Full PDB file with SEQRES, HELIX, SHEET, SSBOND, CRYST1, ORIGX, SCALE, CONECT and MASTER records, all heavy atoms in Angstrom:
SEQRES   1 A   33  GLU ALA ASN ARG GLN ASP TYR ILE ARG LEU GLU GLN TYR          
SEQRES   2 A   33  PHE ASP GLU LYS SER LYS ILE ALA TRP ASP ASN MET VAL          
SEQRES   3 A   33  TYR TRP ALA GLU SER TYR TRP                                  
HELIX    1 AA1 ALA A    2  ASP A    6  1                                   5    
HELIX    2 AA2 LEU A   10  TYR A   13  5                                   4    
HELIX    3 AA3 GLU A   16  ALA A   29  1                                  14    
HELIX    4 AA4 GLU A   30  TYR A   32  5                                   3    
CRYST1    1.000    1.000    1.000  90.00  90.00  90.00 P 1           1          
ORIGX1      1.000000  0.000000  0.000000        0.00000                         
ORIGX2      0.000000  1.000000  0.000000        0.00000                         
ORIGX3      0.000000  0.000000  1.000000        0.00000                         
SCALE1      1.000000  0.000000  0.000000        0.00000                         
SCALE2      0.000000  1.000000  0.000000        0.00000                         
SCALE3      0.000000  0.000000  1.000000        0.00000                         
ATOM      1  N   GLU A   1       0.833  -1.208   0.000  1.00  0.00           N  
ATOM      2  CA  GLU A   1       0.000   0.000   0.000  1.00  0.00           C  
ATOM      3  C   GLU A   1       0.866   1.256   0.000  1.00  0.00           C  
ATOM      4  O   GLU A   1       0.581   2.212  -0.706  1.00  0.00           O  
ATOM      5  CB  GLU A   1      -0.948   0.005   1.201  1.00  0.00           C  
ATOM      6  CG  GLU A   1      -2.065  -1.007   1.098  1.00  0.00           C  
ATOM      7  CD  GLU A   1      -2.961  -0.765  -0.093  1.00  0.00           C  
ATOM      8  OE1 GLU A   1      -3.328   0.391  -0.351  1.00  0.00           O  
ATOM      9  OE2 GLU A   1      -3.287  -1.746  -0.780  1.00  0.00           O  
ATOM     10  N   ALA A   2       1.925   1.266   0.786  1.00  0.00           N  
ATOM     11  CA  ALA A   2       2.823   2.426   0.836  1.00  0.00           C  
ATOM     12  C   ALA A   2       3.479   2.641  -0.520  1.00  0.00           C  
ATOM     13  O   ALA A   2       3.591   3.777  -0.991  1.00  0.00           O  
ATOM     14  CB  ALA A   2       3.878   2.236   1.912  1.00  0.00           C  
ATOM     15  N   ASN A   3       3.899   1.564  -1.164  1.00  0.00           N  
ATOM     16  CA  ASN A   3       4.523   1.680  -2.476  1.00  0.00           C  
ATOM     17  C   ASN A   3       3.532   2.179  -3.511  1.00  0.00           C  
ATOM     18  O   ASN A   3       3.884   2.955  -4.388  1.00  0.00           O  
ATOM     19  CB  ASN A   3       5.099   0.333  -2.921  1.00  0.00           C  
ATOM     20  CG  ASN A   3       6.351  -0.030  -2.159  1.00  0.00           C  
ATOM     21  OD1 ASN A   3       7.005   0.836  -1.590  1.00  0.00           O  
ATOM     22  ND2 ASN A   3       6.664  -1.304  -2.130  1.00  0.00           N  
ATOM     23  N   ARG A   4       2.290   1.738  -3.449  1.00  0.00           N  
ATOM     24  CA  ARG A   4       1.277   2.185  -4.404  1.00  0.00           C  
ATOM     25  C   ARG A   4       1.070   3.696  -4.294  1.00  0.00           C  
ATOM     26  O   ARG A   4       0.812   4.357  -5.279  1.00  0.00           O  
ATOM     27  CB  ARG A   4      -0.045   1.453  -4.184  1.00  0.00           C  
ATOM     28  CG  ARG A   4      -0.009  -0.005  -4.615  1.00  0.00           C  
ATOM     29  CD  ARG A   4      -1.348  -0.667  -4.433  1.00  0.00           C  
ATOM     30  NE  ARG A   4      -2.418  -0.048  -5.174  1.00  0.00           N  
ATOM     31  CZ  ARG A   4      -2.630  -0.164  -6.481  1.00  0.00           C  
ATOM     32  NH1 ARG A   4      -1.819  -0.878  -7.211  1.00  0.00           N  
ATOM     33  NH2 ARG A   4      -3.666   0.408  -7.057  1.00  0.00           N  
ATOM     34  N   GLN A   5       1.191   4.241  -3.105  1.00  0.00           N  
ATOM     35  CA  GLN A   5       0.995   5.676  -2.932  1.00  0.00           C  
ATOM     36  C   GLN A   5       2.137   6.478  -3.531  1.00  0.00           C  
ATOM     37  O   GLN A   5       1.991   7.653  -3.823  1.00  0.00           O  
ATOM     38  CB  GLN A   5       0.839   6.003  -1.448  1.00  0.00           C  
ATOM     39  CG  GLN A   5      -0.434   5.434  -0.869  1.00  0.00           C  
ATOM     40  CD  GLN A   5      -0.507   5.601   0.639  1.00  0.00           C  
ATOM     41  OE1 GLN A   5       0.368   6.196   1.254  1.00  0.00           O  
ATOM     42  NE2 GLN A   5      -1.555   5.063   1.229  1.00  0.00           N  
ATOM     43  N   ASP A   6       3.295   5.825  -3.749  1.00  0.00           N  
ATOM     44  CA  ASP A   6       4.443   6.502  -4.322  1.00  0.00           C  
ATOM     45  C   ASP A   6       4.362   6.627  -5.838  1.00  0.00           C  
ATOM     46  O   ASP A   6       5.125   7.350  -6.441  1.00  0.00           O  
ATOM     47  CB  ASP A   6       5.741   5.767  -3.961  1.00  0.00           C  
ATOM     48  CG  ASP A   6       6.066   5.890  -2.485  1.00  0.00           C  
ATOM     49  OD1 ASP A   6       5.542   6.822  -1.840  1.00  0.00           O  
ATOM     50  OD2 ASP A   6       6.811   5.043  -1.975  1.00  0.00           O  
ATOM     51  N   TYR A   7       3.460   5.903  -6.467  1.00  0.00           N  
ATOM     52  CA  TYR A   7       3.370   5.925  -7.913  1.00  0.00           C  
ATOM     53  C   TYR A   7       2.846   7.268  -8.404  1.00  0.00           C  
ATOM     54  O   TYR A   7       2.020   7.903  -7.776  1.00  0.00           O  
ATOM     55  CB  TYR A   7       2.436   4.826  -8.436  1.00  0.00           C  
ATOM     56  CG  TYR A   7       3.047   3.458  -8.369  1.00  0.00           C  
ATOM     57  CD1 TYR A   7       2.541   2.514  -7.493  1.00  0.00           C  
ATOM     58  CD2 TYR A   7       4.124   3.115  -9.170  1.00  0.00           C  
ATOM     59  CE1 TYR A   7       3.102   1.256  -7.416  1.00  0.00           C  
ATOM     60  CE2 TYR A   7       4.687   1.867  -9.094  1.00  0.00           C  
ATOM     61  CZ  TYR A   7       4.178   0.938  -8.228  1.00  0.00           C  
ATOM     62  OH  TYR A   7       4.734  -0.301  -8.149  1.00  0.00           O  
ATOM     63  N   ILE A   8       3.353   7.638  -9.543  1.00  0.00           N  
ATOM     64  CA  ILE A   8       2.853   8.835 -10.213  1.00  0.00           C  
ATOM     65  C   ILE A   8       1.621   8.406 -10.995  1.00  0.00           C  
ATOM     66  O   ILE A   8       1.673   7.495 -11.805  1.00  0.00           O  
ATOM     67  CB  ILE A   8       3.913   9.399 -11.179  1.00  0.00           C  
ATOM     68  CG1 ILE A   8       5.141   9.816 -10.406  1.00  0.00           C  
ATOM     69  CG2 ILE A   8       3.341  10.552 -11.988  1.00  0.00           C  
ATOM     70  CD1 ILE A   8       6.315  10.188 -11.288  1.00  0.00           C  
ATOM     71  N   ARG A   9       0.529   9.028 -10.748  1.00  0.00           N  
ATOM     72  CA  ARG A   9      -0.704   8.697 -11.451  1.00  0.00           C  
ATOM     73  C   ARG A   9      -0.736   9.485 -12.754  1.00  0.00           C  
ATOM     74  O   ARG A   9      -1.172  10.634 -12.787  1.00  0.00           O  
ATOM     75  CB  ARG A   9      -1.913   9.032 -10.584  1.00  0.00           C  
ATOM     76  CG  ARG A   9      -1.905   8.380  -9.241  1.00  0.00           C  
ATOM     77  CD  ARG A   9      -2.362   6.972  -9.354  1.00  0.00           C  
ATOM     78  NE  ARG A   9      -2.468   6.378  -8.022  1.00  0.00           N  
ATOM     79  CZ  ARG A   9      -2.447   5.092  -7.823  1.00  0.00           C  
ATOM     80  NH1 ARG A   9      -2.328   4.284  -8.839  1.00  0.00           N  
ATOM     81  NH2 ARG A   9      -2.546   4.599  -6.612  1.00  0.00           N  
ATOM     82  N   LEU A  10      -0.265   8.853 -13.813  1.00  0.00           N  
ATOM     83  CA  LEU A  10      -0.164   9.540 -15.100  1.00  0.00           C  
ATOM     84  C   LEU A  10      -1.498  10.074 -15.594  1.00  0.00           C  
ATOM     85  O   LEU A  10      -1.539  11.084 -16.291  1.00  0.00           O  
ATOM     86  CB  LEU A  10       0.436   8.609 -16.153  1.00  0.00           C  
ATOM     87  CG  LEU A  10       1.916   8.308 -16.032  1.00  0.00           C  
ATOM     88  CD1 LEU A  10       2.341   7.331 -17.115  1.00  0.00           C  
ATOM     89  CD2 LEU A  10       2.736   9.579 -16.131  1.00  0.00           C  
ATOM     90  N   GLU A  11      -2.584   9.395 -15.225  1.00  0.00           N  
ATOM     91  CA  GLU A  11      -3.897   9.830 -15.719  1.00  0.00           C  
ATOM     92  C   GLU A  11      -4.241  11.255 -15.295  1.00  0.00           C  
ATOM     93  O   GLU A  11      -4.989  11.946 -15.971  1.00  0.00           O  
ATOM     94  CB  GLU A  11      -5.006   8.856 -15.304  1.00  0.00           C  
ATOM     95  CG  GLU A  11      -5.211   8.712 -13.826  1.00  0.00           C  
ATOM     96  CD  GLU A  11      -4.381   7.618 -13.179  1.00  0.00           C  
ATOM     97  OE1 GLU A  11      -3.340   7.211 -13.740  1.00  0.00           O  
ATOM     98  OE2 GLU A  11      -4.774   7.189 -12.090  1.00  0.00           O  
ATOM     99  N   GLN A  12      -3.648  11.715 -14.193  1.00  0.00           N  
ATOM    100  CA  GLN A  12      -3.941  13.078 -13.741  1.00  0.00           C  
ATOM    101  C   GLN A  12      -3.374  14.127 -14.700  1.00  0.00           C  
ATOM    102  O   GLN A  12      -3.801  15.275 -14.684  1.00  0.00           O  
ATOM    103  CB  GLN A  12      -3.415  13.307 -12.330  1.00  0.00           C  
ATOM    104  CG  GLN A  12      -1.901  13.382 -12.232  1.00  0.00           C  
ATOM    105  CD  GLN A  12      -1.412  13.503 -10.813  1.00  0.00           C  
ATOM    106  OE1 GLN A  12      -2.141  13.930  -9.936  1.00  0.00           O  
ATOM    107  NE2 GLN A  12      -0.171  13.122 -10.580  1.00  0.00           N  
ATOM    108  N   TYR A  13      -2.447  13.722 -15.546  1.00  0.00           N  
ATOM    109  CA  TYR A  13      -1.840  14.659 -16.490  1.00  0.00           C  
ATOM    110  C   TYR A  13      -2.496  14.618 -17.871  1.00  0.00           C  
ATOM    111  O   TYR A  13      -2.142  15.399 -18.743  1.00  0.00           O  
ATOM    112  CB  TYR A  13      -0.339  14.363 -16.632  1.00  0.00           C  
ATOM    113  CG  TYR A  13       0.391  14.503 -15.326  1.00  0.00           C  
ATOM    114  CD1 TYR A  13       0.825  13.373 -14.637  1.00  0.00           C  
ATOM    115  CD2 TYR A  13       0.609  15.752 -14.759  1.00  0.00           C  
ATOM    116  CE1 TYR A  13       1.479  13.499 -13.422  1.00  0.00           C  
ATOM    117  CE2 TYR A  13       1.257  15.878 -13.543  1.00  0.00           C  
ATOM    118  CZ  TYR A  13       1.689  14.747 -12.881  1.00  0.00           C  
ATOM    119  OH  TYR A  13       2.330  14.868 -11.678  1.00  0.00           O  
ATOM    120  N   PHE A  14      -3.432  13.702 -18.077  1.00  0.00           N  
ATOM    121  CA  PHE A  14      -4.087  13.586 -19.379  1.00  0.00           C  
ATOM    122  C   PHE A  14      -5.213  14.610 -19.459  1.00  0.00           C  
ATOM    123  O   PHE A  14      -6.365  14.355 -19.132  1.00  0.00           O  
ATOM    124  CB  PHE A  14      -4.613  12.161 -19.606  1.00  0.00           C  
ATOM    125  CG  PHE A  14      -4.972  11.901 -21.040  1.00  0.00           C  
ATOM    126  CD1 PHE A  14      -3.984  11.687 -21.986  1.00  0.00           C  
ATOM    127  CD2 PHE A  14      -6.292  11.883 -21.440  1.00  0.00           C  
ATOM    128  CE1 PHE A  14      -4.313  11.462 -23.317  1.00  0.00           C  
ATOM    129  CE2 PHE A  14      -6.640  11.658 -22.768  1.00  0.00           C  
ATOM    130  CZ  PHE A  14      -5.644  11.443 -23.703  1.00  0.00           C  
ATOM    131  N   ASP A  15      -4.843  15.811 -19.883  1.00  0.00           N  
ATOM    132  CA  ASP A  15      -5.778  16.933 -19.936  1.00  0.00           C  
ATOM    133  C   ASP A  15      -6.124  17.270 -21.392  1.00  0.00           C  
ATOM    134  O   ASP A  15      -5.861  16.474 -22.288  1.00  0.00           O  
ATOM    135  CB  ASP A  15      -5.183  18.143 -19.214  1.00  0.00           C  
ATOM    136  CG  ASP A  15      -3.834  18.577 -19.792  1.00  0.00           C  
ATOM    137  OD1 ASP A  15      -3.443  18.086 -20.883  1.00  0.00           O  
ATOM    138  OD2 ASP A  15      -3.163  19.398 -19.151  1.00  0.00           O  
ATOM    139  N   GLU A  16      -6.703  18.429 -21.607  1.00  0.00           N  
ATOM    140  CA  GLU A  16      -7.102  18.834 -22.971  1.00  0.00           C  
ATOM    141  C   GLU A  16      -5.908  18.898 -23.917  1.00  0.00           C  
ATOM    142  O   GLU A  16      -6.010  18.493 -25.079  1.00  0.00           O  
ATOM    143  CB  GLU A  16      -7.848  20.166 -22.939  1.00  0.00           C  
ATOM    144  CG  GLU A  16      -9.238  20.078 -22.336  1.00  0.00           C  
ATOM    145  CD  GLU A  16     -10.140  19.065 -23.026  1.00  0.00           C  
ATOM    146  OE1 GLU A  16     -10.186  19.035 -24.275  1.00  0.00           O  
ATOM    147  OE2 GLU A  16     -10.799  18.286 -22.309  1.00  0.00           O  
ATOM    148  N   LYS A  17      -4.779  19.399 -23.437  1.00  0.00           N  
ATOM    149  CA  LYS A  17      -3.583  19.448 -24.286  1.00  0.00           C  
ATOM    150  C   LYS A  17      -3.109  18.049 -24.631  1.00  0.00           C  
ATOM    151  O   LYS A  17      -2.676  17.790 -25.755  1.00  0.00           O  
ATOM    152  CB  LYS A  17      -2.460  20.229 -23.596  1.00  0.00           C  
ATOM    153  CG  LYS A  17      -2.705  21.710 -23.535  1.00  0.00           C  
ATOM    154  CD  LYS A  17      -1.548  22.428 -22.869  1.00  0.00           C  
ATOM    155  CE  LYS A  17      -1.830  23.911 -22.772  1.00  0.00           C  
ATOM    156  NZ  LYS A  17      -0.758  24.635 -22.087  1.00  0.00           N  
ATOM    157  N   SER A  18      -3.205  17.144 -23.671  1.00  0.00           N  
ATOM    158  CA  SER A  18      -2.818  15.754 -23.928  1.00  0.00           C  
ATOM    159  C   SER A  18      -3.745  15.109 -24.951  1.00  0.00           C  
ATOM    160  O   SER A  18      -3.302  14.316 -25.782  1.00  0.00           O  
ATOM    161  CB  SER A  18      -2.835  14.932 -22.638  1.00  0.00           C  
ATOM    162  OG  SER A  18      -1.828  15.363 -21.759  1.00  0.00           O  
ATOM    163  N   LYS A  19      -5.029  15.442 -24.886  1.00  0.00           N  
ATOM    164  CA  LYS A  19      -5.976  14.887 -25.859  1.00  0.00           C  
ATOM    165  C   LYS A  19      -5.615  15.319 -27.273  1.00  0.00           C  
ATOM    166  O   LYS A  19      -5.675  14.528 -28.217  1.00  0.00           O  
ATOM    167  CB  LYS A  19      -7.403  15.305 -25.524  1.00  0.00           C  
ATOM    168  CG  LYS A  19      -7.945  14.627 -24.286  1.00  0.00           C  
ATOM    169  CD  LYS A  19      -9.325  15.143 -23.938  1.00  0.00           C  
ATOM    170  CE  LYS A  19      -9.789  14.563 -22.606  1.00  0.00           C  
ATOM    171  NZ  LYS A  19     -11.056  15.142 -22.166  1.00  0.00           N  
ATOM    172  N   ILE A  20      -5.217  16.558 -27.425  1.00  0.00           N  
ATOM    173  CA  ILE A  20      -4.798  17.062 -28.738  1.00  0.00           C  
ATOM    174  C   ILE A  20      -3.513  16.368 -29.170  1.00  0.00           C  
ATOM    175  O   ILE A  20      -3.384  15.925 -30.320  1.00  0.00           O  
ATOM    176  CB  ILE A  20      -4.626  18.592 -28.705  1.00  0.00           C  
ATOM    177  CG1 ILE A  20      -5.990  19.264 -28.503  1.00  0.00           C  
ATOM    178  CG2 ILE A  20      -3.939  19.098 -29.980  1.00  0.00           C  
ATOM    179  CD1 ILE A  20      -5.921  20.733 -28.157  1.00  0.00           C  
ATOM    180  N   ALA A  21      -2.566  16.242 -28.240  1.00  0.00           N  
ATOM    181  CA  ALA A  21      -1.311  15.551 -28.540  1.00  0.00           C  
ATOM    182  C   ALA A  21      -1.579  14.095 -28.911  1.00  0.00           C  
ATOM    183  O   ALA A  21      -0.946  13.542 -29.824  1.00  0.00           O  
ATOM    184  CB  ALA A  21      -0.359  15.641 -27.347  1.00  0.00           C  
ATOM    185  N   TRP A  22      -2.535  13.458 -28.198  1.00  0.00           N  
ATOM    186  CA  TRP A  22      -2.880  12.074 -28.499  1.00  0.00           C  
ATOM    187  C   TRP A  22      -3.445  11.961 -29.925  1.00  0.00           C  
ATOM    188  O   TRP A  22      -3.045  11.087 -30.689  1.00  0.00           O  
ATOM    189  CB  TRP A  22      -3.883  11.531 -27.485  1.00  0.00           C  
ATOM    190  CG  TRP A  22      -4.296  10.128 -27.810  1.00  0.00           C  
ATOM    191  CD1 TRP A  22      -5.480   9.727 -28.348  1.00  0.00           C  
ATOM    192  CD2 TRP A  22      -3.501   8.950 -27.662  1.00  0.00           C  
ATOM    193  NE1 TRP A  22      -5.469   8.371 -28.531  1.00  0.00           N  
ATOM    194  CE2 TRP A  22      -4.268   7.860 -28.129  1.00  0.00           C  
ATOM    195  CE3 TRP A  22      -2.212   8.712 -27.188  1.00  0.00           C  
ATOM    196  CZ2 TRP A  22      -3.786   6.556 -28.117  1.00  0.00           C  
ATOM    197  CZ3 TRP A  22      -1.734   7.405 -27.177  1.00  0.00           C  
ATOM    198  CH2 TRP A  22      -2.518   6.353 -27.633  1.00  0.00           C  
ATOM    199  N   ASP A  23      -4.364  12.837 -30.269  1.00  0.00           N  
ATOM    200  CA  ASP A  23      -4.939  12.809 -31.618  1.00  0.00           C  
ATOM    201  C   ASP A  23      -3.854  12.988 -32.682  1.00  0.00           C  
ATOM    202  O   ASP A  23      -3.877  12.318 -33.719  1.00  0.00           O  
ATOM    203  CB  ASP A  23      -6.008  13.891 -31.775  1.00  0.00           C  
ATOM    204  CG  ASP A  23      -7.273  13.580 -30.981  1.00  0.00           C  
ATOM    205  OD1 ASP A  23      -7.479  12.407 -30.588  1.00  0.00           O  
ATOM    206  OD2 ASP A  23      -8.060  14.523 -30.755  1.00  0.00           O  
ATOM    207  N   ASN A  24      -2.900  13.866 -32.421  1.00  0.00           N  
ATOM    208  CA  ASN A  24      -1.783  14.066 -33.351  1.00  0.00           C  
ATOM    209  C   ASN A  24      -0.911  12.819 -33.448  1.00  0.00           C  
ATOM    210  O   ASN A  24      -0.445  12.455 -34.538  1.00  0.00           O  
ATOM    211  CB  ASN A  24      -0.942  15.271 -32.944  1.00  0.00           C  
ATOM    212  CG  ASN A  24      -1.652  16.576 -33.180  1.00  0.00           C  
ATOM    213  OD1 ASN A  24      -2.517  16.684 -34.052  1.00  0.00           O  
ATOM    214  ND2 ASN A  24      -1.310  17.581 -32.393  1.00  0.00           N  
ATOM    215  N   MET A  25      -0.695  12.147 -32.303  1.00  0.00           N  
ATOM    216  CA  MET A  25       0.123  10.934 -32.308  1.00  0.00           C  
ATOM    217  C   MET A  25      -0.587   9.814 -33.071  1.00  0.00           C  
ATOM    218  O   MET A  25       0.050   9.068 -33.819  1.00  0.00           O  
ATOM    219  CB  MET A  25       0.458  10.476 -30.895  1.00  0.00           C  
ATOM    220  CG  MET A  25       1.357   9.257 -30.887  1.00  0.00           C  
ATOM    221  SD  MET A  25       1.949   8.835 -29.252  1.00  0.00           S  
ATOM    222  CE  MET A  25       3.196  10.097 -29.071  1.00  0.00           C  
ATOM    223  N   VAL A  26      -1.887   9.698 -32.897  1.00  0.00           N  
ATOM    224  CA  VAL A  26      -2.649   8.686 -33.635  1.00  0.00           C  
ATOM    225  C   VAL A  26      -2.549   8.970 -35.137  1.00  0.00           C  
ATOM    226  O   VAL A  26      -2.336   8.043 -35.936  1.00  0.00           O  
ATOM    227  CB  VAL A  26      -4.120   8.635 -33.165  1.00  0.00           C  
ATOM    228  CG1 VAL A  26      -4.954   7.739 -34.067  1.00  0.00           C  
ATOM    229  CG2 VAL A  26      -4.207   8.177 -31.714  1.00  0.00           C  
ATOM    230  N   TYR A  27      -2.674  10.217 -35.507  1.00  0.00           N  
ATOM    231  CA  TYR A  27      -2.547  10.601 -36.914  1.00  0.00           C  
ATOM    232  C   TYR A  27      -1.182  10.186 -37.461  1.00  0.00           C  
ATOM    233  O   TYR A  27      -1.072   9.605 -38.550  1.00  0.00           O  
ATOM    234  CB  TYR A  27      -2.764  12.116 -37.069  1.00  0.00           C  
ATOM    235  CG  TYR A  27      -2.643  12.596 -38.485  1.00  0.00           C  
ATOM    236  CD1 TYR A  27      -3.680  12.399 -39.393  1.00  0.00           C  
ATOM    237  CD2 TYR A  27      -1.494  13.248 -38.911  1.00  0.00           C  
ATOM    238  CE1 TYR A  27      -3.571  12.837 -40.706  1.00  0.00           C  
ATOM    239  CE2 TYR A  27      -1.369  13.682 -40.221  1.00  0.00           C  
ATOM    240  CZ  TYR A  27      -2.405  13.475 -41.108  1.00  0.00           C  
ATOM    241  OH  TYR A  27      -2.285  13.897 -42.409  1.00  0.00           O  
ATOM    242  N   TRP A  28      -0.110  10.441 -36.687  1.00  0.00           N  
ATOM    243  CA  TRP A  28       1.246  10.035 -37.077  1.00  0.00           C  
ATOM    244  C   TRP A  28       1.338   8.519 -37.187  1.00  0.00           C  
ATOM    245  O   TRP A  28       1.895   7.981 -38.145  1.00  0.00           O  
ATOM    246  CB  TRP A  28       2.252  10.570 -36.045  1.00  0.00           C  
ATOM    247  CG  TRP A  28       3.579   9.882 -36.088  1.00  0.00           C  
ATOM    248  CD1 TRP A  28       4.591  10.101 -36.977  1.00  0.00           C  
ATOM    249  CD2 TRP A  28       4.032   8.843 -35.214  1.00  0.00           C  
ATOM    250  NE1 TRP A  28       5.646   9.267 -36.699  1.00  0.00           N  
ATOM    251  CE2 TRP A  28       5.328   8.482 -35.627  1.00  0.00           C  
ATOM    252  CE3 TRP A  28       3.470   8.189 -34.121  1.00  0.00           C  
ATOM    253  CZ2 TRP A  28       6.071   7.493 -34.986  1.00  0.00           C  
ATOM    254  CZ3 TRP A  28       4.211   7.198 -33.479  1.00  0.00           C  
ATOM    255  CH2 TRP A  28       5.490   6.861 -33.911  1.00  0.00           C  
ATOM    256  N   ALA A  29       0.773   7.804 -36.215  1.00  0.00           N  
ATOM    257  CA  ALA A  29       0.879   6.345 -36.155  1.00  0.00           C  
ATOM    258  C   ALA A  29       0.143   5.668 -37.305  1.00  0.00           C  
ATOM    259  O   ALA A  29       0.516   4.569 -37.728  1.00  0.00           O  
ATOM    260  CB  ALA A  29       0.343   5.846 -34.815  1.00  0.00           C  
ATOM    261  N   GLU A  30      -0.886   6.308 -37.821  1.00  0.00           N  
ATOM    262  CA  GLU A  30      -1.658   5.707 -38.917  1.00  0.00           C  
ATOM    263  C   GLU A  30      -0.807   5.464 -40.154  1.00  0.00           C  
ATOM    264  O   GLU A  30      -1.103   4.562 -40.943  1.00  0.00           O  
ATOM    265  CB  GLU A  30      -2.869   6.575 -39.249  1.00  0.00           C  
ATOM    266  CG  GLU A  30      -3.947   6.450 -38.195  1.00  0.00           C  
ATOM    267  CD  GLU A  30      -5.128   7.379 -38.394  1.00  0.00           C  
ATOM    268  OE1 GLU A  30      -4.999   8.382 -39.141  1.00  0.00           O  
ATOM    269  OE2 GLU A  30      -6.171   7.115 -37.779  1.00  0.00           O  
ATOM    270  N   SER A  31       0.282   6.212 -40.306  1.00  0.00           N  
ATOM    271  CA  SER A  31       1.147   6.003 -41.469  1.00  0.00           C  
ATOM    272  C   SER A  31       1.898   4.671 -41.388  1.00  0.00           C  
ATOM    273  O   SER A  31       2.411   4.190 -42.395  1.00  0.00           O  
ATOM    274  CB  SER A  31       2.138   7.166 -41.611  1.00  0.00           C  
ATOM    275  OG  SER A  31       3.035   7.193 -40.517  1.00  0.00           O  
ATOM    276  N   TYR A  32       1.955   4.061 -40.205  1.00  0.00           N  
ATOM    277  CA  TYR A  32       2.611   2.769 -40.021  1.00  0.00           C  
ATOM    278  C   TYR A  32       1.619   1.610 -40.076  1.00  0.00           C  
ATOM    279  O   TYR A  32       1.998   0.451 -40.018  1.00  0.00           O  
ATOM    280  CB  TYR A  32       3.333   2.713 -38.670  1.00  0.00           C  
ATOM    281  CG  TYR A  32       4.486   3.674 -38.587  1.00  0.00           C  
ATOM    282  CD1 TYR A  32       4.305   4.964 -38.102  1.00  0.00           C  
ATOM    283  CD2 TYR A  32       5.756   3.295 -39.008  1.00  0.00           C  
ATOM    284  CE1 TYR A  32       5.365   5.849 -38.025  1.00  0.00           C  
ATOM    285  CE2 TYR A  32       6.825   4.181 -38.941  1.00  0.00           C  
ATOM    286  CZ  TYR A  32       6.610   5.458 -38.462  1.00  0.00           C  
ATOM    287  OH  TYR A  32       7.656   6.327 -38.392  1.00  0.00           O  
ATOM    288  N   TRP A  33       0.346   1.906 -40.150  1.00  0.00           N  
ATOM    289  CA  TRP A  33      -0.708   0.893 -40.046  1.00  0.00           C  
ATOM    290  C   TRP A  33      -1.095   0.400 -41.429  1.00  0.00           C  
ATOM    291  O   TRP A  33      -1.533   1.184 -42.269  1.00  0.00           O  
ATOM    292  CB  TRP A  33      -1.917   1.500 -39.337  1.00  0.00           C  
ATOM    293  CG  TRP A  33      -2.887   0.494 -38.837  1.00  0.00           C  
ATOM    294  CD1 TRP A  33      -4.076   0.160 -39.426  1.00  0.00           C  
ATOM    295  CD2 TRP A  33      -2.781  -0.302 -37.656  1.00  0.00           C  
ATOM    296  NE1 TRP A  33      -4.709  -0.791 -38.664  1.00  0.00           N  
ATOM    297  CE2 TRP A  33      -3.932  -1.096 -37.578  1.00  0.00           C  
ATOM    298  CE3 TRP A  33      -1.816  -0.419 -36.657  1.00  0.00           C  
ATOM    299  CZ2 TRP A  33      -4.161  -1.996 -36.540  1.00  0.00           C  
ATOM    300  CZ3 TRP A  33      -2.037  -1.308 -35.621  1.00  0.00           C  
ATOM    301  CH2 TRP A  33      -3.195  -2.079 -35.569  1.00  0.00           C  
TER     302      TRP A  33                                                      
MASTER        0    0    0    4    0    0    0    6  301    1    0    3          
END                                                                             
């Protein structure tokens, strides 16, 4: 339990800017698909 509390919860950083970055990354990745 103590170790779990030390983890960085990445989901807290997935905001509107991340959503835009994600969409751009998916667009980039489609060229490999």
